[in-house]
């Protein structure tokens, strides 16, 4: 699975909402095959753009509270949080160029 740090319902506020830089949250579940497809892509993006954004993962099965709060009903969902607000969502597995395009505002 992903090498990105994991956040939980308990750590979400401090790790994501109070972060000084934009945070990309990969909402996933162990049974979700498309989630496993995008995990290495997000790891590559984290490796090349980690100075501008933080990428973390959240297992929705183990952390239902945050998922419900932000209306995450499809997996994978990639959500960008900036300044304590969810500012973008990308739903479904996408190829790396498309994810980079969606994140361009925060990584360029």
N, C-alpha and C. Protein backbone atom coordinates (compact mmCIF):
# COMPACT_ATOMS: atom_id res chain seq x y z
N UNK A 1 0.85 -1.19 0.00
CA UNK A 1 0.00 0.00 0.00
C UNK A 1 0.88 1.25 0.00
N UNK A 2 0.30 2.36 0.26
CA UNK A 2 0.99 3.64 0.17
C UNK A 2 2.06 3.81 1.24
N UNK A 3 3.06 4.62 0.94
CA UNK A 3 4.08 4.95 1.93
C UNK A 3 3.79 6.31 2.58
N UNK A 4 2.69 6.94 2.16
CA UNK A 4 2.32 8.24 2.72
C UNK A 4 1.87 8.08 4.18
N UNK A 5 2.07 9.13 4.99
CA UNK A 5 1.62 9.07 6.39
C UNK A 5 0.11 8.84 6.47
N UNK A 6 -0.31 8.22 7.55
CA UNK A 6 -1.73 7.93 7.77
C UNK A 6 -2.30 8.94 8.76
N UNK A 7 -3.52 9.39 8.50
CA UNK A 7 -4.24 10.22 9.47
C UNK A 7 -5.48 9.45 9.91
N UNK A 8 -5.98 9.82 11.09
CA UNK A 8 -7.15 9.16 11.67
C UNK A 8 -8.19 10.22 12.03
N UNK A 9 -9.37 9.74 12.42
CA UNK A 9 -10.39 10.68 12.91
C UNK A 9 -9.81 11.56 14.02
N UNK A 10 -8.99 10.95 14.90
CA UNK A 10 -8.43 11.67 16.05
C UNK A 10 -7.37 12.69 15.64
N UNK A 11 -6.57 12.38 14.61
CA UNK A 11 -5.46 13.27 14.24
C UNK A 11 -5.79 14.22 13.09
N UNK A 12 -6.96 14.07 12.49
CA UNK A 12 -7.31 14.82 11.29
C UNK A 12 -7.22 16.34 11.50
N UNK A 13 -7.76 16.80 12.61
CA UNK A 13 -7.77 18.25 12.87
C UNK A 13 -6.36 18.82 12.90
N UNK A 14 -5.47 18.19 13.67
CA UNK A 14 -4.10 18.72 13.78
C UNK A 14 -3.27 18.44 12.54
N UNK A 15 -3.41 17.25 11.95
CA UNK A 15 -2.57 16.87 10.80
C UNK A 15 -3.01 17.51 9.48
N UNK A 16 -4.30 17.75 9.32
CA UNK A 16 -4.82 18.23 8.04
C UNK A 16 -5.35 19.66 8.13
N UNK A 17 -6.32 19.87 8.99
CA UNK A 17 -6.98 21.19 9.03
C UNK A 17 -6.05 22.29 9.53
N UNK A 18 -5.11 21.96 10.42
CA UNK A 18 -4.22 22.99 10.98
C UNK A 18 -2.85 23.00 10.31
N UNK A 19 -2.70 22.27 9.21
CA UNK A 19 -1.41 22.22 8.51
C UNK A 19 -1.10 23.57 7.89
N UNK A 20 0.18 23.91 7.89
CA UNK A 20 0.59 25.20 7.30
C UNK A 20 0.65 25.14 5.78
N UNK A 21 0.68 23.93 5.20
CA UNK A 21 0.66 23.84 3.74
C UNK A 21 -0.52 22.96 3.31
N UNK A 22 -0.92 23.04 2.06
CA UNK A 22 -2.05 22.24 1.60
C UNK A 22 -1.80 20.75 1.83
N UNK A 23 -2.87 20.05 2.19
CA UNK A 23 -2.79 18.61 2.44
C UNK A 23 -3.73 17.89 1.48
N UNK A 24 -3.17 16.88 0.81
CA UNK A 24 -3.97 16.02 -0.06
C UNK A 24 -4.26 14.75 0.72
N UNK A 25 -5.56 14.48 0.93
CA UNK A 25 -5.97 13.30 1.68
C UNK A 25 -6.49 12.25 0.70
N UNK A 26 -5.88 11.08 0.74
CA UNK A 26 -6.31 9.95 -0.07
C UNK A 26 -7.23 9.09 0.80
N UNK A 27 -8.54 9.23 0.57
CA UNK A 27 -9.51 8.40 1.29
C UNK A 27 -9.58 7.05 0.58
N UNK A 28 -9.31 5.96 1.30
CA UNK A 28 -9.24 4.64 0.70
C UNK A 28 -9.78 3.59 1.66
N UNK A 29 -9.89 2.36 1.17
CA UNK A 29 -10.25 1.21 2.01
C UNK A 29 -9.51 -0.02 1.49
N UNK A 30 -9.23 -0.98 2.36
CA UNK A 30 -8.45 -2.16 1.96
C UNK A 30 -9.09 -2.97 0.83
N UNK A 31 -10.40 -2.96 0.74
CA UNK A 31 -11.12 -3.75 -0.27
C UNK A 31 -11.23 -3.03 -1.62
N UNK A 32 -10.75 -1.80 -1.71
CA UNK A 32 -10.92 -0.97 -2.91
C UNK A 32 -9.74 -1.15 -3.87
N UNK A 33 -9.95 -1.89 -4.96
CA UNK A 33 -8.87 -2.13 -5.94
C UNK A 33 -8.36 -0.85 -6.60
N UNK A 34 -9.25 0.07 -7.04
CA UNK A 34 -8.74 1.32 -7.64
C UNK A 34 -7.90 2.15 -6.65
N UNK A 35 -8.18 2.02 -5.36
CA UNK A 35 -7.38 2.72 -4.35
C UNK A 35 -5.93 2.24 -4.40
N UNK A 36 -5.76 0.93 -4.58
CA UNK A 36 -4.41 0.37 -4.65
C UNK A 36 -3.70 0.82 -5.93
N UNK A 37 -4.46 1.12 -6.98
CA UNK A 37 -3.86 1.58 -8.24
C UNK A 37 -3.29 2.99 -8.10
N UNK A 38 -3.98 3.87 -7.37
CA UNK A 38 -3.51 5.26 -7.30
C UNK A 38 -2.51 5.51 -6.18
N UNK A 39 -2.40 4.59 -5.21
CA UNK A 39 -1.46 4.79 -4.09
C UNK A 39 -0.03 5.04 -4.57
N UNK A 40 0.52 4.24 -5.51
CA UNK A 40 1.89 4.51 -5.95
C UNK A 40 2.02 5.84 -6.71
N UNK A 41 0.97 6.24 -7.40
CA UNK A 41 0.98 7.52 -8.12
C UNK A 41 1.08 8.66 -7.10
N UNK A 42 0.28 8.57 -6.04
CA UNK A 42 0.33 9.62 -5.01
C UNK A 42 1.67 9.62 -4.29
N UNK A 43 2.27 8.44 -4.11
CA UNK A 43 3.60 8.38 -3.51
C UNK A 43 4.63 9.11 -4.38
N UNK A 44 4.53 8.91 -5.71
CA UNK A 44 5.44 9.61 -6.64
C UNK A 44 5.24 11.12 -6.57
N UNK A 45 3.98 11.55 -6.52
CA UNK A 45 3.69 12.99 -6.45
C UNK A 45 4.22 13.55 -5.13
N UNK A 46 4.06 12.81 -4.04
CA UNK A 46 4.57 13.25 -2.74
C UNK A 46 6.09 13.39 -2.78
N UNK A 47 6.76 12.44 -3.45
CA UNK A 47 8.21 12.48 -3.53
C UNK A 47 8.71 13.69 -4.31
N UNK A 48 7.99 14.08 -5.36
CA UNK A 48 8.46 15.18 -6.20
C UNK A 48 7.90 16.54 -5.81
N UNK A 49 6.81 16.58 -5.03
CA UNK A 49 6.20 17.87 -4.68
C UNK A 49 5.97 18.03 -3.18
N UNK A 50 6.67 17.22 -2.38
CA UNK A 50 6.49 17.25 -0.94
C UNK A 50 6.85 18.57 -0.28
N UNK A 51 7.61 19.42 -1.00
CA UNK A 51 7.94 20.73 -0.44
C UNK A 51 6.73 21.67 -0.47
N UNK A 52 5.77 21.41 -1.37
CA UNK A 52 4.62 22.31 -1.53
C UNK A 52 3.34 21.77 -0.91
N UNK A 53 3.19 20.43 -0.94
CA UNK A 53 1.99 19.81 -0.39
C UNK A 53 2.37 18.60 0.47
N UNK A 54 1.46 18.23 1.36
CA UNK A 54 1.60 17.02 2.15
C UNK A 54 0.55 16.04 1.66
N UNK A 55 0.94 14.80 1.40
CA UNK A 55 -0.03 13.78 1.00
C UNK A 55 -0.14 12.77 2.13
N UNK A 56 -1.37 12.51 2.57
CA UNK A 56 -1.64 11.56 3.64
C UNK A 56 -2.74 10.60 3.19
N UNK A 57 -2.86 9.48 3.88
CA UNK A 57 -3.92 8.53 3.57
C UNK A 57 -4.85 8.38 4.77
N UNK A 58 -6.11 8.05 4.48
CA UNK A 58 -7.08 7.80 5.54
C UNK A 58 -7.92 6.59 5.17
N UNK A 59 -7.85 5.56 6.00
CA UNK A 59 -8.66 4.36 5.81
C UNK A 59 -10.08 4.67 6.27
N UNK A 60 -11.02 4.70 5.31
CA UNK A 60 -12.39 5.10 5.64
C UNK A 60 -13.11 4.05 6.50
N UNK A 61 -12.71 2.77 6.38
CA UNK A 61 -13.33 1.74 7.22
C UNK A 61 -13.00 1.96 8.69
N UNK A 62 -11.76 2.40 8.96
CA UNK A 62 -11.32 2.58 10.34
C UNK A 62 -11.63 3.98 10.87
N UNK A 63 -11.93 4.92 9.97
CA UNK A 63 -12.15 6.32 10.36
C UNK A 63 -13.42 6.88 9.69
N UNK A 64 -14.58 6.39 10.14
CA UNK A 64 -15.83 6.79 9.47
C UNK A 64 -16.26 8.23 9.74
N UNK A 65 -15.79 8.82 10.84
CA UNK A 65 -16.28 10.14 11.24
C UNK A 65 -15.90 11.22 10.22
N UNK A 66 -14.61 11.33 9.90
CA UNK A 66 -14.15 12.35 8.95
C UNK A 66 -14.75 12.10 7.57
N UNK A 67 -14.79 10.83 7.18
CA UNK A 67 -15.37 10.49 5.87
C UNK A 67 -16.82 10.98 5.78
N UNK A 68 -17.59 10.77 6.83
CA UNK A 68 -18.99 11.21 6.85
C UNK A 68 -19.09 12.73 6.87
N UNK A 69 -18.22 13.37 7.65
CA UNK A 69 -18.24 14.84 7.76
C UNK A 69 -18.07 15.49 6.39
N UNK A 70 -17.19 14.92 5.55
CA UNK A 70 -16.90 15.51 4.25
C UNK A 70 -17.63 14.82 3.09
N UNK A 71 -18.60 13.97 3.42
CA UNK A 71 -19.43 13.36 2.39
C UNK A 71 -18.70 12.43 1.44
N UNK A 72 -17.67 11.75 1.94
CA UNK A 72 -16.93 10.81 1.10
C UNK A 72 -17.75 9.54 0.97
N UNK A 73 -18.30 9.29 -0.22
CA UNK A 73 -19.13 8.11 -0.42
C UNK A 73 -18.59 7.21 -1.52
N UNK A 74 -17.67 7.71 -2.33
CA UNK A 74 -17.04 6.91 -3.38
C UNK A 74 -15.56 6.81 -3.11
N UNK A 75 -14.99 5.65 -3.40
CA UNK A 75 -13.56 5.47 -3.21
C UNK A 75 -12.93 5.06 -4.54
N UNK A 76 -11.71 5.49 -4.80
CA UNK A 76 -10.96 6.44 -3.97
C UNK A 76 -11.46 7.87 -4.16
N UNK A 77 -11.36 8.65 -3.10
CA UNK A 77 -11.59 10.09 -3.18
C UNK A 77 -10.31 10.76 -2.71
N UNK A 78 -9.82 11.68 -3.53
CA UNK A 78 -8.66 12.49 -3.16
C UNK A 78 -9.20 13.88 -2.87
N UNK A 79 -8.93 14.39 -1.69
CA UNK A 79 -9.42 15.70 -1.30
C UNK A 79 -8.25 16.60 -0.94
N UNK A 80 -8.33 17.85 -1.41
CA UNK A 80 -7.30 18.84 -1.09
C UNK A 80 -7.86 19.76 -0.01
N UNK A 81 -7.10 19.90 1.08
CA UNK A 81 -7.47 20.80 2.17
C UNK A 81 -6.44 21.91 2.24
N UNK A 82 -6.93 23.14 2.30
CA UNK A 82 -6.04 24.29 2.41
C UNK A 82 -6.69 25.30 3.35
N UNK A 83 -5.91 25.78 4.31
CA UNK A 83 -6.45 26.75 5.27
C UNK A 83 -7.63 26.22 6.06
N UNK A 84 -7.64 24.91 6.34
CA UNK A 84 -8.70 24.33 7.14
C UNK A 84 -9.97 24.01 6.38
N UNK A 85 -9.97 24.20 5.07
CA UNK A 85 -11.16 23.96 4.26
C UNK A 85 -10.88 22.92 3.17
N UNK A 86 -11.89 22.13 2.82
CA UNK A 86 -11.76 21.23 1.68
C UNK A 86 -12.00 22.09 0.44
N UNK A 87 -10.97 22.20 -0.42
CA UNK A 87 -11.04 23.10 -1.57
C UNK A 87 -11.17 22.36 -2.91
N UNK A 88 -10.97 21.05 -2.90
CA UNK A 88 -11.09 20.29 -4.15
C UNK A 88 -11.26 18.81 -3.83
N UNK A 89 -12.04 18.12 -4.68
CA UNK A 89 -12.11 16.66 -4.58
C UNK A 89 -11.93 16.06 -5.97
N UNK A 90 -11.25 14.94 -5.98
CA UNK A 90 -11.06 14.15 -7.20
C UNK A 90 -11.59 12.77 -6.87
N UNK A 91 -12.64 12.34 -7.57
CA UNK A 91 -13.28 11.07 -7.25
C UNK A 91 -12.93 10.03 -8.31
N UNK A 92 -12.50 8.87 -7.84
CA UNK A 92 -12.16 7.78 -8.74
C UNK A 92 -10.68 7.74 -9.06
N UNK A 93 -10.24 6.58 -9.54
CA UNK A 93 -8.83 6.42 -9.92
C UNK A 93 -8.59 7.14 -11.24
N UNK A 94 -7.57 7.97 -11.27
CA UNK A 94 -7.22 8.74 -12.46
C UNK A 94 -5.74 8.49 -12.78
N UNK A 95 -5.36 8.65 -14.05
CA UNK A 95 -3.94 8.53 -14.38
C UNK A 95 -3.14 9.70 -13.81
N UNK A 96 -1.85 9.47 -13.61
CA UNK A 96 -0.97 10.47 -13.00
C UNK A 96 -1.05 11.85 -13.67
N UNK A 97 -1.01 11.95 -15.02
CA UNK A 97 -1.09 13.30 -15.62
C UNK A 97 -2.37 14.05 -15.25
N UNK A 98 -3.47 13.32 -15.12
CA UNK A 98 -4.73 13.97 -14.76
C UNK A 98 -4.70 14.44 -13.31
N UNK A 99 -4.14 13.62 -12.42
CA UNK A 99 -4.04 14.03 -11.01
C UNK A 99 -3.13 15.24 -10.89
N UNK A 100 -2.01 15.23 -11.60
CA UNK A 100 -1.10 16.39 -11.57
C UNK A 100 -1.79 17.65 -12.06
N UNK A 101 -2.59 17.51 -13.11
CA UNK A 101 -3.33 18.66 -13.63
C UNK A 101 -4.31 19.19 -12.59
N UNK A 102 -5.00 18.26 -11.91
CA UNK A 102 -5.96 18.66 -10.87
C UNK A 102 -5.27 19.35 -9.68
N UNK A 103 -4.02 18.97 -9.43
CA UNK A 103 -3.28 19.54 -8.29
C UNK A 103 -2.39 20.71 -8.67
N UNK A 104 -2.39 21.07 -9.94
CA UNK A 104 -1.45 22.10 -10.45
C UNK A 104 -1.46 23.38 -9.63
N UNK A 105 -2.63 23.80 -9.21
CA UNK A 105 -2.75 25.05 -8.44
C UNK A 105 -1.89 25.04 -7.18
N UNK A 106 -1.68 23.86 -6.60
CA UNK A 106 -0.94 23.77 -5.34
C UNK A 106 0.50 23.32 -5.51
N UNK A 107 0.84 22.75 -6.68
CA UNK A 107 2.19 22.20 -6.81
C UNK A 107 3.07 22.95 -7.80
N UNK A 108 2.50 23.91 -8.54
CA UNK A 108 3.35 24.59 -9.54
C UNK A 108 3.89 25.91 -9.02
